[in-house]
């Protein structure tokens, strides 16, 4: 693991954020300061931490991802996260987007059984969860980081190494989560379709009945399955997506709060401000003042 840390330290990574690598779909992240528990949204991917650790909170589920455990995210997932880091031992890691074409191909080659993604007596797999970072996964990650130091090797060797990491994840304990992302039948896949709609059409007037219809499920079955996968009700999930999108508009594009609220589907700016403060712990105005002062 120390070799991975040394390699990550050689890359120019924005402190407190993420930086693109030479290979599309692979990003580095770094933090030299602890970050208190706060809402985050992760897109489908594999998060590998080489140093420091994070604790995730999703409903009643609490999980740690660190140098011994990577995180697999199969659907866009709002949850809360706490970061443990210091200037002496900064958080360092990388995030690899899941390539759906590669995932389908690997699952076909592995011959995984359809039942793995359709739920069982244990219920549906959650959309996010940790897996043990074994020797094979660590070796593949080390080789990927090493090749990313070179532009040529990044383009020639990088795609194959990212594919190997996805394969290693399919050999781990989160294989059901990844399989569920790829299958085109079964309850998880039906809910995942609704999740994609909510991600792309978050500003539209969506309700549970519409979403259940899109998922080809009864309203009660959809609501139950949705909460089992995400730990949120459909409307809670949609609210978190809208608030996160609005925050990104305000921070990244310097858009005023009431305009951001309208763009993400809020009809009342006062309701937006109340829900924003409840979710992020500060009002839109306080957040923008804090950013300007930084």
Protein backbone atom coordinates (compact mmCIF):
# COMPACT_ATOMS: atom_id res chain seq x y z
CA UNK A 1 0.00 0.00 0.00
CA UNK A 2 2.91 2.36 0.66
CA UNK A 3 3.87 2.05 -3.02
CA UNK A 4 0.39 3.21 -4.02
CA UNK A 5 0.69 6.16 -1.62
CA UNK A 6 4.07 7.15 -3.08
CA UNK A 7 2.68 6.99 -6.61
CA UNK A 8 -0.37 9.08 -5.71
CA UNK A 9 1.86 11.70 -4.08
CA UNK A 10 3.65 12.11 -7.40
CA UNK A 11 0.49 13.40 -9.14
CA UNK A 12 -0.70 17.04 -8.94
CA UNK A 13 -3.99 16.57 -7.06
CA UNK A 14 -6.18 19.43 -5.86
CA UNK A 15 -6.35 19.41 -2.07
CA UNK A 16 -9.91 18.91 -0.87
CA UNK A 17 -11.10 17.85 -4.30
CA UNK A 18 -10.43 15.59 -7.24
CA UNK A 19 -8.23 15.82 -10.32
CA UNK A 20 -8.47 14.09 -13.69
CA UNK A 21 -5.78 11.56 -14.52
CA UNK A 22 -4.28 10.95 -17.96
CA UNK A 23 -6.94 8.26 -18.51
CA UNK A 24 -10.58 9.23 -19.03
CA UNK A 25 -12.79 7.86 -16.28
CA UNK A 26 -10.06 7.75 -13.64
CA UNK A 27 -9.72 10.57 -11.09
CA UNK A 28 -7.49 11.13 -8.08
CA UNK A 29 -8.64 12.67 -4.81
CA UNK A 30 -6.81 14.15 -1.85
CA UNK A 31 -7.58 15.84 1.45
CA UNK A 32 -5.09 17.08 4.04
CA UNK A 33 -7.84 18.03 6.51
CA UNK A 34 -10.61 16.05 8.20
CA UNK A 35 -14.06 16.76 6.80
CA UNK A 36 -17.07 16.40 9.12
CA UNK A 37 -20.03 14.27 8.16
CA UNK A 38 -21.84 15.88 5.24
CA UNK A 39 -24.06 14.97 2.26
CA UNK A 40 -22.32 13.74 -0.91
CA UNK A 41 -23.42 12.10 -4.15
CA UNK A 42 -21.32 9.39 -5.82
CA UNK A 43 -21.88 8.26 -9.41
CA UNK A 44 -21.41 4.59 -10.38
CA UNK A 45 -17.78 3.63 -9.85
CA UNK A 46 -15.10 2.00 -7.73
CA UNK A 47 -13.49 4.13 -5.02
CA UNK A 48 -10.09 2.95 -3.80
CA UNK A 49 -8.47 4.66 -0.80
CA UNK A 50 -4.71 4.22 -0.38
CA UNK A 51 -4.28 6.34 2.77
CA UNK A 52 -6.65 7.83 5.34
CA UNK A 53 -10.23 6.64 5.54
CA UNK A 54 -13.85 7.62 5.06
CA UNK A 55 -17.01 6.51 6.82
CA UNK A 56 -20.25 6.43 4.88
CA UNK A 57 -23.75 6.65 6.33
CA UNK A 58 -26.70 5.48 4.27
CA UNK A 59 -29.89 5.00 6.23
CA UNK A 60 -29.05 2.55 9.00
CA UNK A 61 -26.01 1.27 7.11
CA UNK A 62 -22.57 2.49 8.25
CA UNK A 63 -19.50 1.45 6.26
CA UNK A 64 -15.81 2.32 6.20
CA UNK A 65 -13.64 2.48 3.11
CA UNK A 66 -9.90 2.67 3.59
CA UNK A 67 -6.62 1.04 2.59
CA UNK A 68 -8.16 -2.38 3.25
CA UNK A 69 -11.65 -1.85 1.80
CA UNK A 70 -12.69 -0.27 -1.49
CA UNK A 71 -16.19 1.00 -2.22
CA UNK A 72 -18.46 -0.11 -5.08
CA UNK A 73 -21.28 2.20 -6.21
CA UNK A 74 -23.71 0.73 -8.74
CA UNK A 75 -26.22 3.59 -9.04
CA UNK A 76 -25.93 7.32 -8.43
CA UNK A 77 -26.13 7.43 -4.65
CA UNK A 78 -26.71 10.32 -2.22
CA UNK A 79 -25.37 9.48 1.23
CA UNK A 80 -23.43 11.13 4.04
CA UNK A 81 -19.68 10.85 4.36
CA UNK A 82 -17.05 11.71 6.97
CA UNK A 83 -13.38 12.06 6.00
CA UNK A 84 -10.45 11.30 8.28
CA UNK A 85 -7.18 12.90 7.19
CA UNK A 86 -4.36 15.18 8.36
CA UNK A 87 -1.49 17.14 6.77
CA UNK A 88 0.89 14.39 7.94
CA UNK A 89 -1.32 11.56 6.63
CA UNK A 90 -3.55 12.99 3.91
CA UNK A 91 -6.42 11.08 2.41
CA UNK A 92 -5.28 9.76 -0.98
CA UNK A 93 -7.09 7.60 -3.49
CA UNK A 94 -8.61 7.17 -6.91
CA UNK A 95 -12.10 6.82 -8.38
CA UNK A 96 -12.72 4.67 -11.45
CA UNK A 97 -15.95 5.15 -13.39
CA UNK A 98 -17.77 1.96 -14.32
CA UNK A 99 -17.69 1.33 -18.08
CA UNK A 100 -21.01 -0.34 -18.84
CA UNK A 101 -19.83 -1.98 -22.07
CA UNK A 102 -16.91 -3.58 -20.26
CA UNK A 103 -19.13 -4.64 -17.37
CA UNK A 104 -21.53 -6.42 -19.74
CA UNK A 105 -18.68 -8.14 -21.55
CA UNK A 106 -17.01 -9.32 -18.35
CA UNK A 107 -20.25 -10.63 -16.90
CA UNK A 108 -20.87 -12.55 -20.12
CA UNK A 109 -17.40 -14.07 -20.02
CA UNK A 110 -17.69 -14.96 -16.35
CA UNK A 111 -21.06 -16.59 -16.91
CA UNK A 112 -22.57 -15.18 -13.72
CA UNK A 113 -26.02 -16.48 -12.93
CA UNK A 114 -29.01 -14.13 -13.45
CA UNK A 115 -30.31 -14.90 -9.96
CA UNK A 116 -27.40 -12.98 -8.42
CA UNK A 117 -29.02 -9.64 -9.27
CA UNK A 118 -32.69 -10.39 -8.79
CA UNK A 119 -32.82 -10.50 -5.04
CA UNK A 120 -33.10 -13.50 -2.73
CA UNK A 121 -34.30 -14.36 0.70
CA UNK A 122 -31.75 -11.81 1.91
CA UNK A 123 -33.42 -9.10 -0.16
CA UNK A 124 -32.13 -6.86 -2.94
CA UNK A 125 -28.48 -5.76 -2.96
CA UNK A 126 -27.91 -2.20 -1.82
CA UNK A 127 -26.68 0.26 -4.41
CA UNK A 128 -23.46 0.90 -2.50
CA UNK A 129 -21.15 -1.15 -0.32
CA UNK A 130 -17.52 -1.94 0.65
CA UNK A 131 -15.44 -4.95 -0.35
CA UNK A 132 -12.09 -6.22 0.93
CA UNK A 133 -9.16 -4.92 -1.10
CA UNK A 134 -7.31 -8.18 -1.63
CA UNK A 135 -3.82 -8.74 -3.00
CA UNK A 136 -4.99 -9.06 -6.62
CA UNK A 137 -6.98 -5.81 -6.49
CA UNK A 138 -4.08 -3.98 -4.80
CA UNK A 139 -1.65 -5.25 -7.45
CA UNK A 140 -3.91 -4.16 -10.33
CA UNK A 141 -4.37 -0.71 -8.75
CA UNK A 142 -0.63 -0.31 -8.23
CA UNK A 143 0.05 -1.15 -11.88
CA UNK A 144 -2.64 1.30 -13.03
CA UNK A 145 -1.14 4.12 -10.96
CA UNK A 146 2.33 3.32 -12.28
CA UNK A 147 1.20 3.43 -15.91
CA UNK A 148 -0.66 6.73 -15.35
CA UNK A 149 2.69 8.45 -14.79
CA UNK A 150 3.30 8.16 -18.53
CA UNK A 151 1.08 9.62 -21.24
CA UNK A 152 1.95 6.80 -23.63
CA UNK A 153 1.43 4.01 -21.12
CA UNK A 154 -1.80 5.62 -19.94
CA UNK A 155 -3.30 5.34 -23.41
CA UNK A 156 -1.85 1.91 -24.28
CA UNK A 157 -1.99 0.06 -20.95
CA UNK A 158 -4.43 2.13 -18.91
CA UNK A 159 -7.75 0.89 -20.43
CA UNK A 160 -6.75 -2.73 -19.89
CA UNK A 161 -5.73 -2.11 -16.30
CA UNK A 162 -8.98 -0.26 -15.53
CA UNK A 163 -10.80 -3.24 -17.03
CA UNK A 164 -8.81 -5.60 -14.80
CA UNK A 165 -9.86 -3.61 -11.72
CA UNK A 166 -13.50 -3.97 -12.77
CA UNK A 167 -12.90 -7.72 -13.21
CA UNK A 168 -11.33 -7.94 -9.74
CA UNK A 169 -14.38 -6.18 -8.30
CA UNK A 170 -16.60 -8.76 -10.02
CA UNK A 171 -14.63 -11.43 -8.16
CA UNK A 172 -15.27 -9.72 -4.81
CA UNK A 173 -18.13 -9.56 -2.36
CA UNK A 174 -19.85 -6.68 -4.21
CA UNK A 175 -20.31 -8.76 -7.37
CA UNK A 176 -24.12 -8.82 -6.83
CA UNK A 177 -24.17 -5.01 -6.81
CA UNK A 178 -22.24 -4.82 -10.08
CA UNK A 179 -24.25 -7.57 -11.70
CA UNK A 180 -27.47 -5.83 -10.72
CA UNK A 181 -26.26 -2.70 -12.52
CA UNK A 182 -25.79 -4.62 -15.76
CA UNK A 183 -28.80 -6.93 -15.98
CA UNK A 184 -31.81 -5.84 -18.01
CA UNK A 185 -34.37 -7.77 -16.01
CA UNK A 186 -35.25 -8.13 -12.37
CA UNK A 187 -36.35 -5.74 -9.65
CA UNK A 188 -33.01 -3.99 -9.19
CA UNK A 189 -32.80 -3.22 -12.90
CA UNK A 190 -36.37 -1.86 -12.91
CA UNK A 191 -35.57 0.49 -10.01
CA UNK A 192 -32.25 1.44 -11.63
CA UNK A 193 -34.19 2.57 -14.73
CA UNK A 194 -36.29 4.90 -12.57
CA UNK A 195 -33.11 6.19 -10.89
CA UNK A 196 -31.66 7.12 -14.28
CA UNK A 197 -34.83 9.03 -15.13
CA UNK A 198 -34.60 10.92 -11.82
CA UNK A 199 -30.97 11.80 -12.55
CA UNK A 200 -31.66 13.16 -16.03
CA UNK A 201 -35.14 14.67 -15.54
CA UNK A 202 -34.81 15.85 -11.93
CA UNK A 203 -36.43 19.23 -12.73
CA UNK A 204 -39.60 17.60 -14.07
CA UNK A 205 -42.75 17.12 -11.98
CA UNK A 206 -42.24 13.49 -11.00
CA UNK A 207 -44.28 11.52 -8.51
CA UNK A 208 -44.12 7.98 -7.16
CA UNK A 209 -46.93 6.73 -9.39
CA UNK A 210 -45.14 7.97 -12.55
CA UNK A 211 -41.82 6.48 -11.47
CA UNK A 212 -43.41 3.15 -10.57
CA UNK A 213 -45.06 3.06 -13.99
CA UNK A 214 -41.70 3.72 -15.67
CA UNK A 215 -40.25 0.84 -13.65
CA UNK A 216 -43.20 -1.37 -14.65
CA UNK A 217 -44.04 -2.02 -11.01
CA UNK A 218 -46.94 -1.40 -8.67
CA UNK A 219 -46.56 1.72 -6.54
CA UNK A 220 -46.22 -0.21 -3.29
CA UNK A 221 -43.69 -2.72 -4.70
CA UNK A 222 -41.65 0.08 -6.30
CA UNK A 223 -41.58 2.14 -3.09
CA UNK A 224 -40.48 -0.88 -1.05
CA UNK A 225 -37.75 -1.95 -3.49
CA UNK A 226 -36.52 1.63 -3.99
CA UNK A 227 -36.00 2.09 -0.25
CA UNK A 228 -34.28 -1.29 0.05
CA UNK A 229 -31.73 -0.32 -2.61
CA UNK A 230 -31.14 3.36 -1.72
CA UNK A 231 -32.33 3.64 1.93
CA UNK A 232 -34.46 6.61 0.79
CA UNK A 233 -38.03 6.91 -0.39
CA UNK A 234 -38.31 7.98 -4.06
CA UNK A 235 -39.26 11.55 -3.12
CA UNK A 236 -36.47 11.82 -0.52
CA UNK A 237 -33.98 10.66 -3.14
CA UNK A 238 -35.31 13.13 -5.71
CA UNK A 239 -35.08 15.96 -3.18
CA UNK A 240 -31.42 15.13 -2.46
CA UNK A 241 -30.63 15.02 -6.17
CA UNK A 242 -32.29 18.39 -6.77
CA UNK A 243 -30.56 20.05 -3.82
CA UNK A 244 -27.16 18.69 -4.87
CA UNK A 245 -27.65 19.83 -8.47
CA UNK A 246 -28.67 23.28 -7.23
CA UNK A 247 -25.63 23.50 -4.97
CA UNK A 248 -23.35 22.58 -7.89
CA UNK A 249 -24.94 25.31 -10.03
CA UNK A 250 -24.40 27.89 -7.30
CA UNK A 251 -20.82 26.89 -6.56
CA UNK A 252 -19.54 26.05 -10.04
CA UNK A 253 -21.47 28.57 -12.13
CA UNK A 254 -22.07 31.28 -9.50
CA UNK A 255 -25.83 31.17 -10.12
CA UNK A 256 -28.09 32.89 -7.60
CA UNK A 257 -30.04 30.62 -5.25
CA UNK A 258 -33.52 31.44 -6.56
CA UNK A 259 -32.40 30.78 -10.16
CA UNK A 260 -30.76 27.49 -9.18
CA UNK A 261 -33.93 26.51 -7.31
CA UNK A 262 -36.04 27.12 -10.41
CA UNK A 263 -33.63 25.20 -12.65
CA UNK A 264 -33.83 22.05 -10.51
CA UNK A 265 -37.61 22.05 -10.25
CA UNK A 266 -38.52 24.06 -7.13
CA UNK A 267 -41.55 26.32 -7.48
CA UNK A 268 -40.99 28.02 -4.11
CA UNK A 269 -37.64 29.65 -3.34
CA UNK A 270 -38.48 29.79 0.37
CA UNK A 271 -39.16 26.04 0.42
CA UNK A 272 -35.87 25.52 -1.42
CA UNK A 273 -33.97 27.58 1.19
CA UNK A 274 -35.56 25.67 4.08
CA UNK A 275 -34.78 22.26 2.58
CA UNK A 276 -31.29 23.35 1.50
CA UNK A 277 -30.44 24.41 5.06
CA UNK A 278 -31.92 21.24 6.53
CA UNK A 279 -29.86 19.06 4.15
CA UNK A 280 -26.55 20.92 4.01
CA UNK A 281 -26.60 22.51 7.46
CA UNK A 282 -26.42 26.09 6.17
CA UNK A 283 -28.59 28.38 4.08
CA UNK A 284 -27.72 29.08 0.41
CA UNK A 285 -26.75 32.64 1.36
CA UNK A 286 -24.45 31.48 4.18
CA UNK A 287 -22.82 28.94 1.88
CA UNK A 288 -22.08 31.54 -0.78
CA UNK A 289 -20.70 34.01 1.78
CA UNK A 290 -18.42 31.30 3.13
CA UNK A 291 -17.16 30.47 -0.36
CA UNK A 292 -16.46 34.13 -1.18
CA UNK A 293 -14.51 34.54 2.05
CA UNK A 294 -12.39 31.43 1.40
